[in-house]
Amino acid sequence: MALMFLNGGAMRGEPLHHLLGGAPLVAATTTAPKYRFYSVGGQCPALFPVSHGGAAIAGEVYDVPMDVLRDRVLPSEPHELELGVIELADGSSSLAMLLRRPYTSHVQLRDITEFGDWRAYQEKAA
C-alpha cells in the first residue's frame, strides 16, 4: 500500500475516482505551503514544488495498493505529470502527481495557486 495525495479527477465524486479500486480514504487535507498549483490545459491539476511563494493545496490522501497505482492510476495520468513525493500539512510525506520537470509539453499551463483547490478553480472557470 502507498499513501497517494490526489487533488483532481480521482477525488471522491470525480470521474476518475473508480481508478482507485476502492482504496480507502485516509484524510482530506492540504499540502504544506510549498507548492504552486497549475491547470494543465484545463484538463487536470499539477503541483510544482517551490522554495518560496508556495501555498497549501487541498486534496485527499488514499491508501492505494501498489498494483492499483501501477496498473490503473499511473497509466491514466497525462504525460505532463510525473510521480513524486510531497510534504503534507502535518509534515508527513505522500506520493503525488507533480508537473514534469523540465516541462516540455505544448499544453498551456495556467497558475491557479490562488484557488488552492481544483474544484474551486473549476467552479470559477465554468
C-alpha atoms as a PDB file:
ATOM      1  CA  MET A   1       0.000   0.000   0.000  1.00  0.00           C
ATOM      2  CA  ALA A   2       1.132   3.542  -0.731  1.00  0.00           C
ATOM      3  CA  LEU A   3      -0.205   6.851   0.516  1.00  0.00           C
ATOM      4  CA  MET A   4      -1.233   8.877  -2.526  1.00  0.00           C
ATOM      5  CA  PHE A   5      -2.313  12.536  -2.436  1.00  0.00           C
ATOM      6  CA  LEU A   6      -4.939  13.230  -5.090  1.00  0.00           C
ATOM      7  CA  ASN A   7      -6.156  16.699  -5.988  1.00  0.00           C
ATOM      8  CA  GLY A   8      -8.027  16.278  -9.275  1.00  0.00           C
ATOM      9  CA  GLY A   9     -10.198  13.847 -11.190  1.00  0.00           C
ATOM     10  CA  ALA A  10      -9.630  10.852  -8.893  1.00  0.00           C
ATOM     11  CA  MET A  11     -11.013  12.512  -5.749  1.00  0.00           C
ATOM     12  CA  ARG A  12     -14.366  11.466  -4.292  1.00  0.00           C
ATOM     13  CA  GLY A  13     -17.238  12.282  -6.631  1.00  0.00           C
ATOM     14  CA  GLU A  14     -14.962  12.920  -9.599  1.00  0.00           C
ATOM     15  CA  PRO A  15     -14.975  10.956 -12.886  1.00  0.00           C
ATOM     16  CA  LEU A  16     -11.700   9.059 -12.310  1.00  0.00           C
ATOM     17  CA  HIS A  17     -12.355   8.017  -8.704  1.00  0.00           C
ATOM     18  CA  HIS A  18     -13.173   4.474  -9.870  1.00  0.00           C
ATOM     19  CA  LEU A  19      -9.493   4.005 -10.809  1.00  0.00           C
ATOM     20  CA  LEU A  20      -8.660   3.707  -7.103  1.00  0.00           C
ATOM     21  CA  GLY A  21     -10.391   0.335  -6.967  1.00  0.00           C
ATOM     22  CA  GLY A  22     -11.959   1.019  -3.573  1.00  0.00           C
ATOM     23  CA  ALA A  23      -8.744   2.224  -1.902  1.00  0.00           C
ATOM     24  CA  PRO A  24      -9.637   3.735   1.474  1.00  0.00           C
ATOM     25  CA  LEU A  25      -9.608   7.471   2.078  1.00  0.00           C
ATOM     26  CA  VAL A  26      -7.065   8.281   4.800  1.00  0.00           C
ATOM     27  CA  ALA A  27      -7.626  12.032   5.069  1.00  0.00           C
ATOM     28  CA  ALA A  28      -8.941  15.146   3.394  1.00  0.00           C
ATOM     29  CA  THR A  29      -6.031  17.535   3.898  1.00  0.00           C
ATOM     30  CA  THR A  30      -3.714  20.040   2.273  1.00  0.00           C
ATOM     31  CA  THR A  31      -0.113  20.052   1.242  1.00  0.00           C
ATOM     32  CA  ALA A  32       2.464  22.020   3.172  1.00  0.00           C
ATOM     33  CA  PRO A  33       2.591  25.585   1.739  1.00  0.00           C
ATOM     34  CA  LYS A  34       5.466  24.680  -0.581  1.00  0.00           C
ATOM     35  CA  TYR A  35       3.731  24.298  -3.955  1.00  0.00           C
ATOM     36  CA  ARG A  36       2.485  26.298  -6.907  1.00  0.00           C
ATOM     37  CA  PHE A  37      -0.672  24.877  -8.453  1.00  0.00           C
ATOM     38  CA  TYR A  38      -1.332  24.722 -12.198  1.00  0.00           C
ATOM     39  CA  SER A  39      -4.133  23.813 -14.547  1.00  0.00           C
ATOM     40  CA  VAL A  40      -2.684  21.722 -17.377  1.00  0.00           C
ATOM     41  CA  GLY A  41      -4.680  22.606 -20.470  1.00  0.00           C
ATOM     42  CA  GLY A  42      -7.796  22.987 -18.320  1.00  0.00           C
ATOM     43  CA  GLN A  43      -7.921  19.200 -18.000  1.00  0.00           C
ATOM     44  CA  CYS A  44      -6.016  18.324 -14.843  1.00  0.00           C
ATOM     45  CA  PRO A  45      -4.172  19.938 -11.936  1.00  0.00           C
ATOM     46  CA  ALA A  46      -0.446  19.784 -11.262  1.00  0.00           C
ATOM     47  CA  LEU A  47       1.661  20.601  -8.232  1.00  0.00           C
ATOM     48  CA  PHE A  48       5.067  22.220  -8.609  1.00  0.00           C
ATOM     49  CA  PRO A  49       7.418  22.443  -5.602  1.00  0.00           C
ATOM     50  CA  VAL A  50       8.948  25.861  -4.894  1.00  0.00           C
ATOM     51  CA  SER A  51      11.335  27.231  -2.293  1.00  0.00           C
ATOM     52  CA  HIS A  52       9.222  30.366  -1.741  1.00  0.00           C
ATOM     53  CA  GLY A  53       5.862  31.710  -2.869  1.00  0.00           C
ATOM     54  CA  GLY A  54       4.041  28.422  -2.407  1.00  0.00           C
ATOM     55  CA  ALA A  55       0.628  27.704  -0.941  1.00  0.00           C
ATOM     56  CA  ALA A  56      -1.254  24.882   0.744  1.00  0.00           C
ATOM     57  CA  ILE A  57      -3.241  22.903  -1.847  1.00  0.00           C
ATOM     58  CA  ALA A  58      -6.365  20.906  -0.957  1.00  0.00           C
ATOM     59  CA  GLY A  59      -6.697  17.218  -1.732  1.00  0.00           C
ATOM     60  CA  GLU A  60      -7.329  13.731  -0.421  1.00  0.00           C
ATOM     61  CA  VAL A  61      -4.897  11.049   0.717  1.00  0.00           C
ATOM     62  CA  TYR A  62      -5.706   7.421  -0.130  1.00  0.00           C
ATOM     63  CA  ASP A  63      -4.008   4.171   0.842  1.00  0.00           C
ATOM     64  CA  VAL A  64      -3.619   2.744  -2.655  1.00  0.00           C
ATOM     65  CA  PRO A  65      -2.356  -0.802  -3.317  1.00  0.00           C
ATOM     66  CA  MET A  66       0.842  -0.676  -5.345  1.00  0.00           C
ATOM     67  CA  ASP A  67      -0.622  -2.811  -8.148  1.00  0.00           C
ATOM     68  CA  VAL A  68      -3.589  -0.406  -8.464  1.00  0.00           C
ATOM     69  CA  LEU A  69      -1.169   2.505  -8.572  1.00  0.00           C
ATOM     70  CA  ARG A  70       0.949   0.753 -11.228  1.00  0.00           C
ATOM     71  CA  ASP A  71      -1.845  -0.690 -13.379  1.00  0.00           C
ATOM     72  CA  ARG A  72      -4.691   1.831 -13.107  1.00  0.00           C
ATOM     73  CA  VAL A  73      -3.767   5.200 -11.631  1.00  0.00           C
ATOM     74  CA  LEU A  74      -0.400   5.984 -13.224  1.00  0.00           C
ATOM     75  CA  PRO A  75      -1.349   4.888 -16.769  1.00  0.00           C
ATOM     76  CA  SER A  76      -4.312   7.300 -16.644  1.00  0.00           C
ATOM     77  CA  GLU A  77      -2.140  10.330 -15.860  1.00  0.00           C
ATOM     78  CA  PRO A  78      -1.198  12.698 -18.690  1.00  0.00           C
ATOM     79  CA  HIS A  79       2.444  12.767 -19.796  1.00  0.00           C
ATOM     80  CA  GLU A  80       2.784  16.327 -18.435  1.00  0.00           C
ATOM     81  CA  LEU A  81       2.783  14.856 -14.914  1.00  0.00           C
ATOM     82  CA  GLU A  82       5.198  12.596 -13.065  1.00  0.00           C
ATOM     83  CA  LEU A  83       5.086  10.715  -9.784  1.00  0.00           C
ATOM     84  CA  GLY A  84       6.854  12.419  -6.897  1.00  0.00           C
ATOM     85  CA  VAL A  85       6.859  12.784  -3.133  1.00  0.00           C
ATOM     86  CA  ILE A  86       5.277  15.786  -1.444  1.00  0.00           C
ATOM     87  CA  GLU A  87       5.018  17.160   2.069  1.00  0.00           C
ATOM     88  CA  LEU A  88       1.574  17.317   3.634  1.00  0.00           C
ATOM     89  CA  ALA A  89       0.340  19.968   6.075  1.00  0.00           C
ATOM     90  CA  ASP A  90       1.192  17.766   9.073  1.00  0.00           C
ATOM     91  CA  GLY A  91       4.797  17.301   7.902  1.00  0.00           C
ATOM     92  CA  SER A  92       4.321  13.725   6.675  1.00  0.00           C
ATOM     93  CA  SER A  93       5.130  12.574   3.141  1.00  0.00           C
ATOM     94  CA  SER A  94       2.927  11.191   0.396  1.00  0.00           C
ATOM     95  CA  LEU A  95       3.175  10.275  -3.253  1.00  0.00           C
ATOM     96  CA  ALA A  96       1.530  12.757  -5.629  1.00  0.00           C
ATOM     97  CA  MET A  97       1.488  13.761  -9.266  1.00  0.00           C
ATOM     98  CA  LEU A  98       3.808  16.700  -9.964  1.00  0.00           C
ATOM     99  CA  LEU A  99       4.349  18.827 -13.017  1.00  0.00           C
ATOM    100  CA  ARG A 100       7.029  17.084 -15.068  1.00  0.00           C
ATOM    101  CA  ARG A 101      10.453  18.742 -14.962  1.00  0.00           C
ATOM    102  CA  PRO A 102      11.551  20.075 -17.300  1.00  0.00           C
ATOM    103  CA  TYR A 103       8.176  20.959 -18.751  1.00  0.00           C
ATOM    104  CA  THR A 104       8.412  20.292 -22.488  1.00  0.00           C
ATOM    105  CA  SER A 105       4.756  19.927 -23.448  1.00  0.00           C
ATOM    106  CA  HIS A 106       2.930  22.305 -25.774  1.00  0.00           C
ATOM    107  CA  VAL A 107      -0.113  22.132 -23.460  1.00  0.00           C
ATOM    108  CA  GLN A 108      -0.801  25.502 -21.837  1.00  0.00           C
ATOM    109  CA  LEU A 109      -0.267  25.952 -18.105  1.00  0.00           C
ATOM    110  CA  ARG A 110      -2.314  28.349 -16.013  1.00  0.00           C
ATOM    111  CA  ASP A 111      -1.184  29.229 -12.494  1.00  0.00           C
ATOM    112  CA  ILE A 112      -4.183  28.593 -10.254  1.00  0.00           C
ATOM    113  CA  THR A 113      -2.361  28.701  -6.921  1.00  0.00           C
ATOM    114  CA  GLU A 114      -4.697  31.443  -5.682  1.00  0.00           C
ATOM    115  CA  PHE A 115      -7.586  28.934  -5.728  1.00  0.00           C
ATOM    116  CA  GLY A 116      -5.730  26.298  -3.695  1.00  0.00           C
ATOM    117  CA  ASP A 117      -8.309  23.714  -4.749  1.00  0.00           C
ATOM    118  CA  TRP A 118      -9.052  22.107  -8.127  1.00  0.00           C
ATOM    119  CA  ARG A 119     -12.817  22.066  -7.552  1.00  0.00           C
ATOM    120  CA  ALA A 120     -12.849  25.756  -6.585  1.00  0.00           C
ATOM    121  CA  TYR A 121     -10.930  26.563  -9.769  1.00  0.00           C
ATOM    122  CA  GLN A 122     -13.328  24.521 -11.907  1.00  0.00           C
ATOM    123  CA  GLU A 123     -16.345  26.292 -10.415  1.00  0.00           C
ATOM    124  CA  LYS A 124     -14.868  29.699 -11.281  1.00  0.00           C
ATOM    125  CA  ALA A 125     -13.756  28.564 -14.742  1.00  0.00           C
ATOM    126  CA  ALA A 126     -17.219  27.218 -15.653  1.00  0.00           C
END
